N, C-alpha and C. Protein backbone atom coordinates (compact mmCIF):
# COMPACT_ATOMS: atom_id res chain seq x y z
N UNK A 1 23.93 -147.27 46.81
CA UNK A 1 23.53 -145.94 46.42
C UNK A 1 24.50 -145.40 45.37
N UNK A 2 23.97 -144.92 44.28
CA UNK A 2 24.77 -144.41 43.17
C UNK A 2 25.17 -142.96 43.45
N UNK A 3 26.47 -142.61 43.30
CA UNK A 3 26.85 -141.21 43.48
C UNK A 3 26.22 -140.34 42.38
N UNK A 4 25.67 -139.21 42.78
CA UNK A 4 24.96 -138.37 41.81
C UNK A 4 25.79 -137.21 41.27
N UNK A 5 26.97 -136.96 41.81
CA UNK A 5 27.83 -135.91 41.28
C UNK A 5 27.46 -134.51 41.72
N UNK A 6 26.69 -134.39 42.78
CA UNK A 6 26.29 -133.06 43.25
C UNK A 6 27.50 -132.27 43.75
N UNK A 7 28.41 -132.94 44.42
CA UNK A 7 29.62 -132.26 44.90
C UNK A 7 30.45 -131.70 43.77
N UNK A 8 30.56 -132.47 42.69
CA UNK A 8 31.32 -131.99 41.53
C UNK A 8 30.60 -130.83 40.84
N UNK A 9 29.28 -130.86 40.84
CA UNK A 9 28.53 -129.75 40.26
C UNK A 9 28.70 -128.47 41.08
N UNK A 10 28.73 -128.62 42.40
CA UNK A 10 28.96 -127.46 43.28
C UNK A 10 30.36 -126.91 43.06
N UNK A 11 31.34 -127.79 42.88
CA UNK A 11 32.70 -127.34 42.60
C UNK A 11 32.77 -126.59 41.28
N UNK A 12 32.06 -127.08 40.26
CA UNK A 12 32.02 -126.39 38.96
C UNK A 12 31.39 -125.02 39.10
N UNK A 13 30.33 -124.91 39.91
CA UNK A 13 29.70 -123.61 40.12
C UNK A 13 30.64 -122.65 40.84
N UNK A 14 31.39 -123.16 41.81
CA UNK A 14 32.36 -122.32 42.53
C UNK A 14 33.46 -121.84 41.58
N UNK A 15 33.93 -122.72 40.71
CA UNK A 15 34.95 -122.32 39.72
C UNK A 15 34.38 -121.25 38.79
N UNK A 16 33.12 -121.39 38.42
CA UNK A 16 32.47 -120.41 37.55
C UNK A 16 32.39 -119.04 38.22
N UNK A 17 32.06 -119.02 39.49
CA UNK A 17 31.97 -117.75 40.23
C UNK A 17 33.34 -117.11 40.37
N UNK A 18 34.35 -117.91 40.72
CA UNK A 18 35.71 -117.38 40.85
C UNK A 18 36.20 -116.84 39.50
N UNK A 19 35.88 -117.53 38.43
CA UNK A 19 36.26 -117.05 37.10
C UNK A 19 35.60 -115.73 36.75
N UNK A 20 34.33 -115.57 37.10
CA UNK A 20 33.64 -114.30 36.84
C UNK A 20 34.22 -113.16 37.63
N UNK A 21 34.53 -113.40 38.90
CA UNK A 21 35.13 -112.36 39.74
C UNK A 21 36.51 -111.99 39.20
N UNK A 22 37.31 -112.98 38.81
CA UNK A 22 38.64 -112.70 38.27
C UNK A 22 38.55 -111.93 36.96
N UNK A 23 37.57 -112.24 36.13
CA UNK A 23 37.40 -111.54 34.86
C UNK A 23 37.11 -110.06 35.09
N UNK A 24 36.16 -109.78 35.97
CA UNK A 24 35.80 -108.38 36.19
C UNK A 24 36.86 -107.63 37.01
N UNK A 25 37.56 -108.33 37.89
CA UNK A 25 38.68 -107.69 38.59
C UNK A 25 39.79 -107.35 37.60
N UNK A 26 40.03 -108.24 36.66
CA UNK A 26 41.02 -107.97 35.62
C UNK A 26 40.64 -106.77 34.77
N UNK A 27 39.37 -106.67 34.41
CA UNK A 27 38.92 -105.50 33.64
C UNK A 27 39.12 -104.21 34.44
N UNK A 28 38.82 -104.26 35.73
CA UNK A 28 39.01 -103.07 36.57
C UNK A 28 40.48 -102.69 36.65
N UNK A 29 41.36 -103.68 36.79
CA UNK A 29 42.79 -103.38 36.84
C UNK A 29 43.28 -102.81 35.52
N UNK A 30 42.79 -103.33 34.40
CA UNK A 30 43.20 -102.83 33.09
C UNK A 30 42.81 -101.37 32.94
N UNK A 31 41.61 -101.02 33.36
CA UNK A 31 41.10 -99.66 33.16
C UNK A 31 41.71 -98.68 34.16
N UNK A 32 41.77 -99.05 35.44
CA UNK A 32 42.10 -98.08 36.48
C UNK A 32 43.56 -98.10 36.94
N UNK A 33 44.32 -99.14 36.66
CA UNK A 33 45.68 -99.24 37.20
C UNK A 33 46.75 -99.16 36.12
N UNK A 34 46.50 -98.43 35.07
CA UNK A 34 47.45 -98.31 33.97
C UNK A 34 48.71 -97.58 34.44
N UNK A 35 49.85 -98.28 34.41
CA UNK A 35 51.12 -97.66 34.75
C UNK A 35 51.44 -97.60 36.23
N UNK A 36 50.58 -98.13 37.09
CA UNK A 36 50.85 -98.11 38.53
C UNK A 36 51.31 -99.48 39.01
N UNK A 37 52.20 -99.45 40.00
CA UNK A 37 52.69 -100.70 40.58
C UNK A 37 51.61 -101.29 41.49
N UNK A 38 51.43 -102.59 41.40
CA UNK A 38 50.39 -103.28 42.17
C UNK A 38 51.05 -104.10 43.27
N UNK A 39 51.44 -103.45 44.35
CA UNK A 39 51.99 -104.13 45.51
C UNK A 39 53.28 -104.90 45.24
N UNK A 40 54.10 -104.44 44.34
CA UNK A 40 55.35 -105.11 44.03
C UNK A 40 55.21 -106.25 43.04
N UNK A 41 54.00 -106.53 42.56
CA UNK A 41 53.79 -107.62 41.60
C UNK A 41 54.06 -107.20 40.16
N UNK A 42 54.07 -105.91 39.92
CA UNK A 42 54.27 -105.42 38.56
C UNK A 42 53.21 -104.40 38.20
N UNK A 43 53.19 -104.06 36.94
CA UNK A 43 52.23 -103.08 36.44
C UNK A 43 50.80 -103.61 36.58
N UNK A 44 49.92 -102.76 37.08
CA UNK A 44 48.54 -103.17 37.31
C UNK A 44 47.83 -103.61 36.04
N UNK A 45 48.19 -103.00 34.93
CA UNK A 45 47.53 -103.35 33.67
C UNK A 45 47.90 -104.77 33.23
N UNK A 46 49.18 -105.13 33.37
CA UNK A 46 49.59 -106.48 32.96
C UNK A 46 49.01 -107.54 33.89
N UNK A 47 48.92 -107.26 35.19
CA UNK A 47 48.27 -108.18 36.12
C UNK A 47 46.77 -108.28 35.77
N UNK A 48 46.19 -107.17 35.34
CA UNK A 48 44.79 -107.17 34.92
C UNK A 48 44.55 -108.08 33.73
N UNK A 49 45.47 -108.04 32.76
CA UNK A 49 45.33 -108.95 31.62
C UNK A 49 45.45 -110.40 32.06
N UNK A 50 46.34 -110.67 33.01
CA UNK A 50 46.48 -112.03 33.54
C UNK A 50 45.18 -112.48 34.20
N UNK A 51 44.61 -111.64 35.07
CA UNK A 51 43.35 -111.99 35.74
C UNK A 51 42.22 -112.15 34.74
N UNK A 52 42.18 -111.28 33.74
CA UNK A 52 41.12 -111.34 32.74
C UNK A 52 41.16 -112.66 31.97
N UNK A 53 42.34 -113.02 31.49
CA UNK A 53 42.47 -114.27 30.71
C UNK A 53 42.26 -115.49 31.59
N UNK A 54 42.79 -115.46 32.81
CA UNK A 54 42.59 -116.58 33.72
C UNK A 54 41.11 -116.74 34.07
N UNK A 55 40.42 -115.63 34.30
CA UNK A 55 39.00 -115.68 34.61
C UNK A 55 38.17 -116.22 33.47
N UNK A 56 38.48 -115.80 32.25
CA UNK A 56 37.76 -116.34 31.09
C UNK A 56 38.00 -117.84 30.94
N UNK A 57 39.24 -118.25 31.14
CA UNK A 57 39.56 -119.68 31.04
C UNK A 57 38.83 -120.50 32.10
N UNK A 58 38.81 -120.00 33.33
CA UNK A 58 38.10 -120.71 34.40
C UNK A 58 36.60 -120.79 34.12
N UNK A 59 36.03 -119.71 33.60
CA UNK A 59 34.60 -119.71 33.29
C UNK A 59 34.28 -120.72 32.19
N UNK A 60 35.11 -120.79 31.19
CA UNK A 60 34.88 -121.75 30.09
C UNK A 60 34.99 -123.18 30.60
N UNK A 61 36.01 -123.45 31.42
CA UNK A 61 36.18 -124.80 31.97
C UNK A 61 34.99 -125.17 32.85
N UNK A 62 34.52 -124.23 33.66
CA UNK A 62 33.39 -124.51 34.54
C UNK A 62 32.12 -124.79 33.75
N UNK A 63 31.89 -124.06 32.67
CA UNK A 63 30.71 -124.31 31.85
C UNK A 63 30.79 -125.69 31.22
N UNK A 64 31.97 -126.07 30.75
CA UNK A 64 32.12 -127.40 30.18
C UNK A 64 31.90 -128.49 31.23
N UNK A 65 32.42 -128.28 32.44
CA UNK A 65 32.19 -129.24 33.52
C UNK A 65 30.72 -129.35 33.87
N UNK A 66 30.02 -128.22 33.91
CA UNK A 66 28.59 -128.26 34.21
C UNK A 66 27.82 -129.03 33.15
N UNK A 67 28.21 -128.86 31.89
CA UNK A 67 27.54 -129.61 30.82
C UNK A 67 27.78 -131.11 30.98
N UNK A 68 29.00 -131.49 31.32
CA UNK A 68 29.33 -132.90 31.51
C UNK A 68 28.51 -133.47 32.67
N UNK A 69 28.47 -132.76 33.79
CA UNK A 69 27.75 -133.26 34.96
C UNK A 69 26.24 -133.31 34.70
N UNK A 70 25.73 -132.38 33.93
CA UNK A 70 24.31 -132.38 33.61
C UNK A 70 23.96 -133.61 32.76
N UNK A 71 24.81 -133.89 31.79
CA UNK A 71 24.57 -135.05 30.93
C UNK A 71 24.75 -136.36 31.72
N UNK A 72 25.67 -136.37 32.65
CA UNK A 72 25.90 -137.58 33.44
C UNK A 72 24.71 -137.84 34.38
N UNK A 73 24.14 -136.79 34.95
CA UNK A 73 23.03 -136.96 35.87
C UNK A 73 21.74 -137.32 35.15
N UNK A 74 21.65 -137.03 33.85
CA UNK A 74 20.43 -137.32 33.09
C UNK A 74 20.31 -138.80 32.76
N UNK A 75 21.43 -139.53 32.85
CA UNK A 75 21.37 -140.96 32.51
C UNK A 75 20.62 -141.78 33.50
């Protein structure tokens, strides 16, 4: 039986969802937590930029992984 890569596709979808949540959480922190301490981690705005950039990066990686898995399954 040939492995079909469904598990890897599910992992890519999970990464995509986590990236989207991190992106929008970062936007919320940028807008609403300007100048406030975020639980001892630092300024909420700077943590928001971190979440925003990390979320965008995860979303891009997940889309690329989905494209790879789609092309692999088409063979």
